[in-house]
N, C-alpha and C. Protein backbone atom coordinates (compact mmCIF):
# COMPACT_ATOMS: atom_id res chain seq x y z
N MET A 1 2.27 26.79 -0.42
CA MET A 1 3.06 25.99 0.48
C MET A 1 3.14 26.65 1.86
N GLN A 2 3.32 27.95 1.89
CA GLN A 2 3.42 28.66 3.17
C GLN A 2 2.13 28.49 3.98
N GLU A 3 0.99 28.53 3.29
CA GLU A 3 -0.29 28.34 3.97
C GLU A 3 -0.38 26.93 4.54
N THR A 4 0.09 25.95 3.78
CA THR A 4 0.09 24.56 4.26
C THR A 4 0.92 24.42 5.52
N LEU A 5 2.10 25.01 5.53
CA LEU A 5 2.96 24.93 6.71
C LEU A 5 2.28 25.53 7.93
N GLY A 6 1.61 26.64 7.74
CA GLY A 6 0.91 27.29 8.85
C GLY A 6 -0.27 26.50 9.36
N ASP A 7 -0.82 25.64 8.50
CA ASP A 7 -2.00 24.86 8.87
C ASP A 7 -1.67 23.45 9.35
N LEU A 8 -0.40 23.12 9.50
CA LEU A 8 -0.05 21.78 9.99
C LEU A 8 -0.59 21.59 11.41
N PRO A 9 -1.01 20.38 11.74
CA PRO A 9 -1.61 20.11 13.06
C PRO A 9 -0.53 19.87 14.12
N PHE A 10 0.06 20.95 14.61
CA PHE A 10 1.19 20.81 15.52
C PHE A 10 0.83 20.10 16.82
N SER A 11 -0.38 20.23 17.28
CA SER A 11 -0.81 19.51 18.48
C SER A 11 -0.72 18.00 18.25
N ALA A 12 -1.20 17.54 17.10
CA ALA A 12 -1.14 16.11 16.78
C ALA A 12 0.31 15.65 16.58
N ILE A 13 1.12 16.50 15.98
CA ILE A 13 2.53 16.16 15.78
C ILE A 13 3.21 15.98 17.13
N ASN A 14 2.95 16.87 18.06
CA ASN A 14 3.51 16.76 19.41
C ASN A 14 2.99 15.52 20.13
N MET A 15 1.71 15.21 19.94
CA MET A 15 1.13 14.01 20.55
C MET A 15 1.80 12.75 20.01
N ALA A 16 2.07 12.73 18.71
CA ALA A 16 2.73 11.58 18.10
C ALA A 16 4.13 11.39 18.68
N ALA A 17 4.88 12.47 18.79
CA ALA A 17 6.22 12.39 19.36
C ALA A 17 6.16 11.90 20.81
N ALA A 18 5.23 12.43 21.58
CA ALA A 18 5.09 12.01 22.98
C ALA A 18 4.73 10.53 23.08
N ARG A 19 3.89 10.05 22.19
CA ARG A 19 3.51 8.64 22.23
C ARG A 19 4.69 7.74 21.88
N LEU A 20 5.54 8.19 20.98
CA LEU A 20 6.75 7.42 20.64
C LEU A 20 7.72 7.38 21.81
N VAL A 21 7.81 8.47 22.56
CA VAL A 21 8.65 8.48 23.77
C VAL A 21 8.09 7.50 24.79
N THR A 22 6.78 7.47 24.93
CA THR A 22 6.15 6.51 25.84
C THR A 22 6.46 5.08 25.40
N ALA A 23 6.44 4.83 24.11
CA ALA A 23 6.78 3.49 23.60
C ALA A 23 8.21 3.13 24.02
N TRP A 24 9.13 4.08 23.90
CA TRP A 24 10.51 3.83 24.32
C TRP A 24 10.56 3.54 25.82
N ASN A 25 9.89 4.36 26.59
CA ASN A 25 9.89 4.20 28.04
C ASN A 25 9.29 2.86 28.47
N ASP A 26 8.25 2.42 27.77
CA ASP A 26 7.56 1.17 28.10
C ASP A 26 8.16 -0.04 27.39
N ARG A 27 9.22 0.15 26.63
CA ARG A 27 9.90 -0.90 25.88
C ARG A 27 8.97 -1.56 24.85
N LYS A 28 8.16 -0.74 24.23
CA LYS A 28 7.27 -1.20 23.16
C LYS A 28 7.93 -0.94 21.81
N GLN A 29 7.37 -1.53 20.78
CA GLN A 29 7.92 -1.38 19.44
C GLN A 29 7.08 -0.42 18.60
N VAL A 30 7.71 0.09 17.55
CA VAL A 30 7.06 0.98 16.60
C VAL A 30 7.14 0.32 15.23
N PHE A 31 6.01 0.24 14.56
CA PHE A 31 5.93 -0.34 13.22
C PHE A 31 5.37 0.71 12.27
N ILE A 32 6.02 0.84 11.10
CA ILE A 32 5.70 1.92 10.17
C ILE A 32 5.48 1.33 8.78
N MET A 33 4.52 1.90 8.03
CA MET A 33 4.23 1.37 6.69
C MET A 33 3.72 2.45 5.76
N GLY A 34 3.85 2.19 4.46
CA GLY A 34 3.30 3.07 3.44
C GLY A 34 3.55 2.48 2.06
N ASN A 35 2.95 3.06 1.05
CA ASN A 35 3.10 2.64 -0.35
C ASN A 35 3.83 3.71 -1.15
N GLY A 36 4.60 3.32 -2.14
CA GLY A 36 5.26 4.28 -3.03
C GLY A 36 6.17 5.23 -2.27
N GLY A 37 5.97 6.54 -2.46
CA GLY A 37 6.77 7.53 -1.74
C GLY A 37 6.60 7.42 -0.24
N SER A 38 5.42 7.00 0.19
CA SER A 38 5.17 6.81 1.62
C SER A 38 5.95 5.62 2.16
N ALA A 39 6.23 4.63 1.31
CA ALA A 39 7.07 3.51 1.72
C ALA A 39 8.49 4.01 1.99
N ALA A 40 8.97 4.91 1.14
CA ALA A 40 10.30 5.48 1.35
C ALA A 40 10.35 6.25 2.67
N THR A 41 9.29 6.99 2.96
CA THR A 41 9.23 7.72 4.23
C THR A 41 9.17 6.75 5.40
N ALA A 42 8.42 5.66 5.26
CA ALA A 42 8.33 4.65 6.32
C ALA A 42 9.69 4.04 6.61
N LEU A 43 10.43 3.69 5.57
CA LEU A 43 11.77 3.13 5.75
C LEU A 43 12.69 4.15 6.42
N HIS A 44 12.63 5.38 5.96
CA HIS A 44 13.48 6.45 6.50
C HIS A 44 13.15 6.70 7.97
N MET A 45 11.87 6.72 8.30
CA MET A 45 11.45 6.98 9.68
C MET A 45 11.91 5.87 10.61
N ALA A 46 11.79 4.62 10.17
CA ALA A 46 12.24 3.50 11.00
C ALA A 46 13.74 3.59 11.25
N ALA A 47 14.50 3.92 10.21
CA ALA A 47 15.95 4.05 10.38
C ALA A 47 16.29 5.20 11.32
N ASP A 48 15.65 6.35 11.13
CA ASP A 48 15.94 7.51 11.97
C ASP A 48 15.56 7.26 13.43
N LEU A 49 14.38 6.71 13.67
CA LEU A 49 13.96 6.47 15.06
C LEU A 49 14.87 5.45 15.74
N SER A 50 15.30 4.43 15.00
CA SER A 50 16.17 3.41 15.59
C SER A 50 17.57 3.93 15.87
N LYS A 51 18.13 4.66 14.92
CA LYS A 51 19.52 5.11 15.03
C LYS A 51 19.67 6.43 15.78
N ASN A 52 18.87 7.41 15.42
CA ASN A 52 19.10 8.77 15.92
C ASN A 52 18.63 9.00 17.34
N THR A 53 17.88 8.08 17.90
CA THR A 53 17.42 8.24 19.29
C THR A 53 18.23 7.41 20.26
N ALA A 54 19.18 6.63 19.75
CA ALA A 54 19.95 5.72 20.60
C ALA A 54 20.90 6.47 21.53
N VAL A 55 20.94 6.01 22.77
CA VAL A 55 21.87 6.53 23.77
C VAL A 55 22.66 5.34 24.30
N PRO A 56 24.00 5.35 24.15
CA PRO A 56 24.80 4.21 24.60
C PRO A 56 24.51 3.86 26.06
N GLY A 57 24.34 2.57 26.31
CA GLY A 57 24.12 2.10 27.67
C GLY A 57 22.66 2.11 28.11
N PHE A 58 21.76 2.56 27.25
CA PHE A 58 20.34 2.61 27.59
C PHE A 58 19.53 1.83 26.56
N PRO A 59 18.36 1.34 26.95
CA PRO A 59 17.52 0.64 25.97
C PRO A 59 17.21 1.54 24.78
N ARG A 60 17.02 0.91 23.65
CA ARG A 60 16.80 1.66 22.41
C ARG A 60 15.34 1.59 21.98
N LEU A 61 14.92 2.59 21.25
CA LEU A 61 13.61 2.58 20.63
C LEU A 61 13.67 1.62 19.45
N ARG A 62 12.80 0.65 19.44
CA ARG A 62 12.79 -0.36 18.38
C ARG A 62 11.73 0.02 17.34
N ALA A 63 12.20 0.43 16.17
CA ALA A 63 11.31 0.84 15.09
C ALA A 63 11.62 0.02 13.84
N VAL A 64 10.57 -0.49 13.22
CA VAL A 64 10.70 -1.36 12.05
C VAL A 64 9.69 -0.91 11.00
N SER A 65 10.10 -0.95 9.74
CA SER A 65 9.16 -0.68 8.66
C SER A 65 8.67 -2.00 8.08
N PHE A 66 7.38 -2.12 7.91
CA PHE A 66 6.81 -3.31 7.27
C PHE A 66 7.19 -3.37 5.79
N ASN A 67 7.79 -2.32 5.26
CA ASN A 67 8.26 -2.32 3.88
C ASN A 67 9.65 -2.92 3.74
N ASP A 68 10.30 -3.23 4.85
CA ASP A 68 11.68 -3.68 4.85
C ASP A 68 11.89 -5.09 4.30
N ASN A 69 11.01 -6.01 4.61
CA ASN A 69 11.20 -7.42 4.26
C ASN A 69 10.48 -7.71 2.94
N MET A 70 11.18 -7.52 1.83
CA MET A 70 10.56 -7.70 0.51
C MET A 70 10.16 -9.14 0.25
N ALA A 71 10.89 -10.10 0.81
CA ALA A 71 10.50 -11.50 0.62
C ALA A 71 9.12 -11.75 1.23
N LEU A 72 8.93 -11.29 2.47
CA LEU A 72 7.63 -11.46 3.12
C LEU A 72 6.56 -10.62 2.43
N PHE A 73 6.89 -9.37 2.13
CA PHE A 73 5.94 -8.46 1.48
C PHE A 73 5.43 -9.05 0.17
N SER A 74 6.36 -9.51 -0.68
CA SER A 74 5.94 -10.02 -1.99
C SER A 74 5.24 -11.37 -1.87
N ALA A 75 5.63 -12.19 -0.89
CA ALA A 75 4.93 -13.47 -0.68
C ALA A 75 3.49 -13.22 -0.26
N LEU A 76 3.28 -12.27 0.64
CA LEU A 76 1.92 -11.94 1.07
C LEU A 76 1.11 -11.36 -0.09
N ALA A 77 1.73 -10.49 -0.88
CA ALA A 77 1.03 -9.90 -2.02
C ALA A 77 0.64 -10.98 -3.03
N ASN A 78 1.54 -11.93 -3.26
CA ASN A 78 1.31 -12.97 -4.25
C ASN A 78 0.36 -14.06 -3.75
N ASP A 79 0.56 -14.50 -2.51
CA ASP A 79 -0.17 -15.67 -2.00
C ASP A 79 -1.43 -15.33 -1.22
N THR A 80 -1.54 -14.11 -0.74
CA THR A 80 -2.72 -13.70 0.03
C THR A 80 -3.46 -12.67 -0.81
N ALA A 81 -3.13 -11.41 -0.63
CA ALA A 81 -3.69 -10.32 -1.44
C ALA A 81 -2.92 -9.06 -1.10
N TYR A 82 -2.77 -8.18 -2.10
CA TYR A 82 -2.00 -6.96 -1.85
C TYR A 82 -2.64 -6.11 -0.76
N ASP A 83 -3.95 -6.14 -0.65
CA ASP A 83 -4.58 -5.30 0.37
C ASP A 83 -4.42 -5.87 1.78
N GLN A 84 -3.73 -7.02 1.88
CA GLN A 84 -3.49 -7.65 3.19
C GLN A 84 -2.02 -7.65 3.60
N VAL A 85 -1.12 -7.10 2.77
CA VAL A 85 0.32 -7.22 3.04
C VAL A 85 0.74 -6.61 4.37
N PHE A 86 0.13 -5.51 4.77
CA PHE A 86 0.48 -4.90 6.05
C PHE A 86 -0.33 -5.50 7.19
N ARG A 87 -1.58 -5.83 6.94
CA ARG A 87 -2.43 -6.43 7.98
C ARG A 87 -1.82 -7.74 8.48
N GLU A 88 -1.36 -8.57 7.58
CA GLU A 88 -0.76 -9.85 7.97
C GLU A 88 0.47 -9.63 8.84
N GLN A 89 1.26 -8.61 8.53
CA GLN A 89 2.44 -8.33 9.35
C GLN A 89 2.03 -7.78 10.71
N VAL A 90 0.98 -6.97 10.76
CA VAL A 90 0.46 -6.50 12.05
C VAL A 90 0.08 -7.70 12.91
N LEU A 91 -0.64 -8.65 12.32
CA LEU A 91 -1.09 -9.83 13.08
C LEU A 91 0.09 -10.66 13.57
N THR A 92 1.19 -10.65 12.85
CA THR A 92 2.38 -11.42 13.23
C THR A 92 3.20 -10.71 14.30
N TYR A 93 3.38 -9.41 14.19
CA TYR A 93 4.38 -8.72 15.01
C TYR A 93 3.85 -7.77 16.09
N VAL A 94 2.68 -7.22 15.93
CA VAL A 94 2.23 -6.14 16.82
C VAL A 94 1.57 -6.69 18.08
N ASP A 95 1.95 -6.11 19.21
CA ASP A 95 1.35 -6.43 20.51
C ASP A 95 0.63 -5.21 21.06
N SER A 96 -0.21 -5.44 22.03
CA SER A 96 -0.90 -4.35 22.71
C SER A 96 0.12 -3.37 23.27
N GLY A 97 -0.12 -2.09 23.09
CA GLY A 97 0.80 -1.07 23.59
C GLY A 97 1.85 -0.64 22.59
N ASP A 98 2.04 -1.41 21.51
CA ASP A 98 2.96 -0.99 20.46
C ASP A 98 2.35 0.20 19.72
N VAL A 99 3.15 0.82 18.87
CA VAL A 99 2.69 1.96 18.07
C VAL A 99 2.79 1.58 16.59
N VAL A 100 1.73 1.85 15.85
CA VAL A 100 1.72 1.61 14.41
C VAL A 100 1.53 2.95 13.71
N VAL A 101 2.50 3.30 12.85
CA VAL A 101 2.45 4.54 12.08
C VAL A 101 2.08 4.20 10.64
N ALA A 102 0.97 4.71 10.18
CA ALA A 102 0.47 4.46 8.83
C ALA A 102 0.62 5.73 8.01
N ILE A 103 1.31 5.62 6.88
CA ILE A 103 1.55 6.78 6.02
C ILE A 103 0.86 6.54 4.68
N SER A 104 -0.03 7.44 4.31
CA SER A 104 -0.76 7.33 3.05
C SER A 104 -1.14 8.73 2.61
N ALA A 105 -0.56 9.20 1.51
CA ALA A 105 -0.84 10.56 1.07
C ALA A 105 -2.34 10.79 0.88
N SER A 106 -3.02 9.81 0.28
CA SER A 106 -4.47 9.96 0.07
C SER A 106 -5.27 9.67 1.33
N GLY A 107 -4.70 8.84 2.19
CA GLY A 107 -5.44 8.39 3.36
C GLY A 107 -6.44 7.30 3.04
N ASN A 108 -6.35 6.74 1.84
CA ASN A 108 -7.33 5.75 1.41
C ASN A 108 -6.73 4.46 0.87
N SER A 109 -5.47 4.18 1.12
CA SER A 109 -4.84 2.96 0.63
C SER A 109 -5.41 1.75 1.36
N PRO A 110 -6.07 0.83 0.66
CA PRO A 110 -6.73 -0.30 1.33
C PRO A 110 -5.80 -1.13 2.21
N ASN A 111 -4.56 -1.37 1.75
CA ASN A 111 -3.66 -2.20 2.56
C ASN A 111 -3.27 -1.51 3.86
N VAL A 112 -3.16 -0.20 3.84
CA VAL A 112 -2.85 0.57 5.05
C VAL A 112 -4.06 0.58 5.98
N LEU A 113 -5.24 0.82 5.43
CA LEU A 113 -6.45 0.85 6.25
C LEU A 113 -6.72 -0.49 6.92
N ASN A 114 -6.51 -1.59 6.19
CA ASN A 114 -6.70 -2.92 6.78
C ASN A 114 -5.74 -3.16 7.93
N ALA A 115 -4.51 -2.68 7.79
CA ALA A 115 -3.52 -2.85 8.85
C ALA A 115 -3.90 -2.03 10.08
N VAL A 116 -4.39 -0.82 9.88
CA VAL A 116 -4.79 0.02 11.01
C VAL A 116 -5.94 -0.63 11.77
N THR A 117 -6.90 -1.18 11.05
CA THR A 117 -8.01 -1.87 11.71
C THR A 117 -7.49 -3.00 12.59
N ALA A 118 -6.58 -3.81 12.06
CA ALA A 118 -6.01 -4.92 12.83
C ALA A 118 -5.21 -4.41 14.03
N ALA A 119 -4.44 -3.36 13.84
CA ALA A 119 -3.62 -2.81 14.93
C ALA A 119 -4.50 -2.32 16.07
N ARG A 120 -5.57 -1.65 15.74
CA ARG A 120 -6.49 -1.16 16.77
C ARG A 120 -7.13 -2.33 17.53
N GLU A 121 -7.50 -3.38 16.80
CA GLU A 121 -8.09 -4.56 17.44
C GLU A 121 -7.11 -5.22 18.41
N LEU A 122 -5.82 -5.10 18.14
CA LEU A 122 -4.79 -5.69 19.00
C LEU A 122 -4.40 -4.77 20.16
N GLY A 123 -4.91 -3.56 20.19
CA GLY A 123 -4.60 -2.64 21.28
C GLY A 123 -3.38 -1.77 21.06
N ALA A 124 -2.96 -1.63 19.81
CA ALA A 124 -1.84 -0.73 19.50
C ALA A 124 -2.35 0.70 19.38
N THR A 125 -1.47 1.65 19.65
CA THR A 125 -1.76 3.05 19.36
C THR A 125 -1.49 3.27 17.88
N THR A 126 -2.38 3.96 17.19
CA THR A 126 -2.20 4.19 15.76
C THR A 126 -2.02 5.68 15.47
N ILE A 127 -1.03 5.95 14.63
CA ILE A 127 -0.74 7.30 14.17
C ILE A 127 -0.87 7.28 12.65
N GLY A 128 -1.59 8.23 12.09
CA GLY A 128 -1.75 8.29 10.64
C GLY A 128 -1.21 9.59 10.09
N MET A 129 -0.45 9.47 9.02
CA MET A 129 0.03 10.65 8.29
C MET A 129 -0.59 10.60 6.90
N SER A 130 -1.40 11.62 6.59
CA SER A 130 -2.06 11.65 5.30
C SER A 130 -2.06 13.07 4.76
N GLY A 131 -2.68 13.26 3.61
CA GLY A 131 -2.77 14.58 3.00
C GLY A 131 -4.19 14.86 2.56
N TYR A 132 -4.31 15.81 1.64
CA TYR A 132 -5.63 16.21 1.13
C TYR A 132 -6.54 16.56 2.31
N TYR A 133 -7.62 15.81 2.48
CA TYR A 133 -8.54 16.03 3.60
C TYR A 133 -8.41 14.94 4.66
N GLY A 134 -7.39 14.11 4.54
CA GLY A 134 -7.15 13.06 5.52
C GLY A 134 -7.60 11.69 5.11
N GLY A 135 -8.55 11.61 4.18
CA GLY A 135 -9.07 10.33 3.74
C GLY A 135 -9.68 9.55 4.89
N LYS A 136 -9.94 8.28 4.65
CA LYS A 136 -10.52 7.41 5.68
C LYS A 136 -9.56 7.24 6.85
N LEU A 137 -8.26 7.28 6.57
CA LEU A 137 -7.24 7.04 7.59
C LEU A 137 -7.39 7.99 8.77
N SER A 138 -7.64 9.25 8.50
CA SER A 138 -7.67 10.23 9.60
C SER A 138 -8.78 9.95 10.60
N GLY A 139 -9.84 9.29 10.17
CA GLY A 139 -10.92 8.96 11.09
C GLY A 139 -10.75 7.63 11.79
N MET A 140 -9.71 6.88 11.41
CA MET A 140 -9.50 5.54 11.97
C MET A 140 -8.42 5.49 13.04
N VAL A 141 -7.52 6.47 13.03
CA VAL A 141 -6.34 6.40 13.90
C VAL A 141 -6.54 7.18 15.18
N ASP A 142 -5.71 6.87 16.18
CA ASP A 142 -5.73 7.60 17.44
C ASP A 142 -5.19 9.02 17.28
N ILE A 143 -4.14 9.14 16.47
CA ILE A 143 -3.50 10.45 16.28
C ILE A 143 -3.40 10.72 14.77
N PRO A 144 -4.32 11.51 14.22
CA PRO A 144 -4.24 11.84 12.79
C PRO A 144 -3.38 13.07 12.55
N ILE A 145 -2.46 12.95 11.61
CA ILE A 145 -1.64 14.09 11.18
C ILE A 145 -1.93 14.29 9.70
N VAL A 146 -2.72 15.30 9.40
CA VAL A 146 -3.15 15.56 8.02
C VAL A 146 -2.42 16.78 7.48
N VAL A 147 -1.73 16.61 6.36
CA VAL A 147 -1.10 17.72 5.65
C VAL A 147 -2.15 18.28 4.70
N PRO A 148 -2.66 19.48 4.97
CA PRO A 148 -3.76 20.03 4.18
C PRO A 148 -3.29 20.60 2.85
N ASN A 149 -3.02 19.71 1.90
CA ASN A 149 -2.47 20.11 0.62
C ASN A 149 -3.00 19.14 -0.43
N HIS A 150 -3.01 19.54 -1.70
CA HIS A 150 -3.53 18.69 -2.77
C HIS A 150 -2.45 18.30 -3.77
N SER A 151 -1.20 18.56 -3.48
CA SER A 151 -0.09 18.16 -4.34
C SER A 151 0.59 16.95 -3.72
N ILE A 152 0.54 15.82 -4.42
CA ILE A 152 1.13 14.59 -3.89
C ILE A 152 2.61 14.79 -3.56
N GLU A 153 3.32 15.53 -4.40
CA GLU A 153 4.75 15.76 -4.16
C GLU A 153 4.97 16.56 -2.89
N GLN A 154 4.18 17.59 -2.69
CA GLN A 154 4.34 18.41 -1.49
C GLN A 154 3.89 17.65 -0.24
N ILE A 155 2.85 16.84 -0.36
CA ILE A 155 2.42 16.03 0.78
C ILE A 155 3.54 15.08 1.19
N GLU A 156 4.13 14.39 0.21
CA GLU A 156 5.22 13.45 0.52
C GLU A 156 6.42 14.18 1.10
N ASP A 157 6.76 15.35 0.55
CA ASP A 157 7.87 16.13 1.11
C ASP A 157 7.60 16.53 2.55
N LEU A 158 6.38 16.96 2.82
CA LEU A 158 6.04 17.38 4.18
C LEU A 158 5.98 16.20 5.13
N HIS A 159 5.56 15.05 4.67
CA HIS A 159 5.61 13.86 5.53
C HIS A 159 7.05 13.56 5.93
N MET A 160 7.99 13.69 5.00
CA MET A 160 9.39 13.46 5.33
C MET A 160 9.88 14.52 6.33
N MET A 161 9.50 15.77 6.11
CA MET A 161 9.87 16.83 7.05
C MET A 161 9.29 16.54 8.44
N LEU A 162 8.03 16.12 8.49
CA LEU A 162 7.39 15.80 9.77
C LEU A 162 8.08 14.63 10.44
N GLU A 163 8.48 13.64 9.65
CA GLU A 163 9.22 12.50 10.20
C GLU A 163 10.49 13.00 10.89
N HIS A 164 11.19 13.91 10.24
CA HIS A 164 12.42 14.45 10.84
C HIS A 164 12.12 15.26 12.09
N MET A 165 11.06 16.06 12.07
CA MET A 165 10.69 16.85 13.25
C MET A 165 10.32 15.94 14.42
N ILE A 166 9.55 14.91 14.13
CA ILE A 166 9.13 13.98 15.18
C ILE A 166 10.34 13.25 15.75
N THR A 167 11.23 12.78 14.88
CA THR A 167 12.43 12.08 15.35
C THR A 167 13.28 13.00 16.22
N ALA A 168 13.47 14.25 15.81
CA ALA A 168 14.27 15.19 16.60
C ALA A 168 13.63 15.42 17.97
N SER A 169 12.32 15.52 18.01
CA SER A 169 11.62 15.71 19.28
C SER A 169 11.77 14.48 20.18
N VAL A 170 11.61 13.30 19.59
CA VAL A 170 11.77 12.05 20.36
C VAL A 170 13.19 11.94 20.89
N ARG A 171 14.17 12.24 20.04
CA ARG A 171 15.58 12.18 20.47
C ARG A 171 15.81 13.12 21.65
N SER A 172 15.33 14.34 21.55
CA SER A 172 15.51 15.31 22.63
C SER A 172 14.86 14.82 23.93
N SER A 173 13.67 14.29 23.84
CA SER A 173 12.97 13.79 25.04
C SER A 173 13.69 12.61 25.66
N ILE A 174 14.18 11.70 24.83
CA ILE A 174 14.91 10.54 25.35
C ILE A 174 16.21 11.00 26.01
N HIS A 175 16.92 11.91 25.38
CA HIS A 175 18.18 12.40 25.97
C HIS A 175 17.93 13.09 27.31
N HIS A 176 16.85 13.87 27.41
CA HIS A 176 16.52 14.50 28.69
C HIS A 176 16.15 13.46 29.74
N ALA A 177 15.43 12.43 29.35
CA ALA A 177 15.05 11.36 30.29
C ALA A 177 16.29 10.62 30.79
N VAL A 178 17.23 10.39 29.90
CA VAL A 178 18.47 9.70 30.27
C VAL A 178 19.28 10.56 31.23
N LYS A 179 19.36 11.86 30.99
CA LYS A 179 20.10 12.76 31.89
C LYS A 179 19.48 12.78 33.27
N ARG A 180 18.15 12.78 33.34
CA ARG A 180 17.47 12.77 34.64
C ARG A 180 17.72 11.46 35.38
N ALA A 181 17.86 10.37 34.62
CA ALA A 181 18.06 9.05 35.24
C ALA A 181 19.50 8.86 35.70
N ALA A 182 20.41 9.63 35.12
CA ALA A 182 21.84 9.45 35.44
C ALA A 182 22.22 10.07 36.77
């Protein structure tokens, strides 16, 4: 575990945080997705980015998890195909300049990969959080964050830790920007 922590891609982590601050500054939205444990991280990240970066009297960072709307998610899975559940939401909600965060421990979840392809076609910035060797996801996104580990539990734990680190960095940057504007 200690070796994994030392090998985290801190440059990419900082780039991801900076891109989220740019999204806030440009009034763009952030959309996050994942399956299983990664879905839990996606929900947690959307909540943290929305709540923990808010400054009263200033515009807020708008972050949403595609895992949030179970009625839509299950309708798409049932009526379209499970590998399209996130792609269809990207096509509905994402605009050019938005940020799409894709979380997949393996980096090979078909529904996540299909969504990233659609997001890139729409002009969104894509951030990928994966493990192992990054899977296909790491080669598809603008900012790949690969946890170099082979334990699914540790990868998921580190993704949650990274989510918290990124949120804290975004919060700090937004608070500094607000102080400069005041």
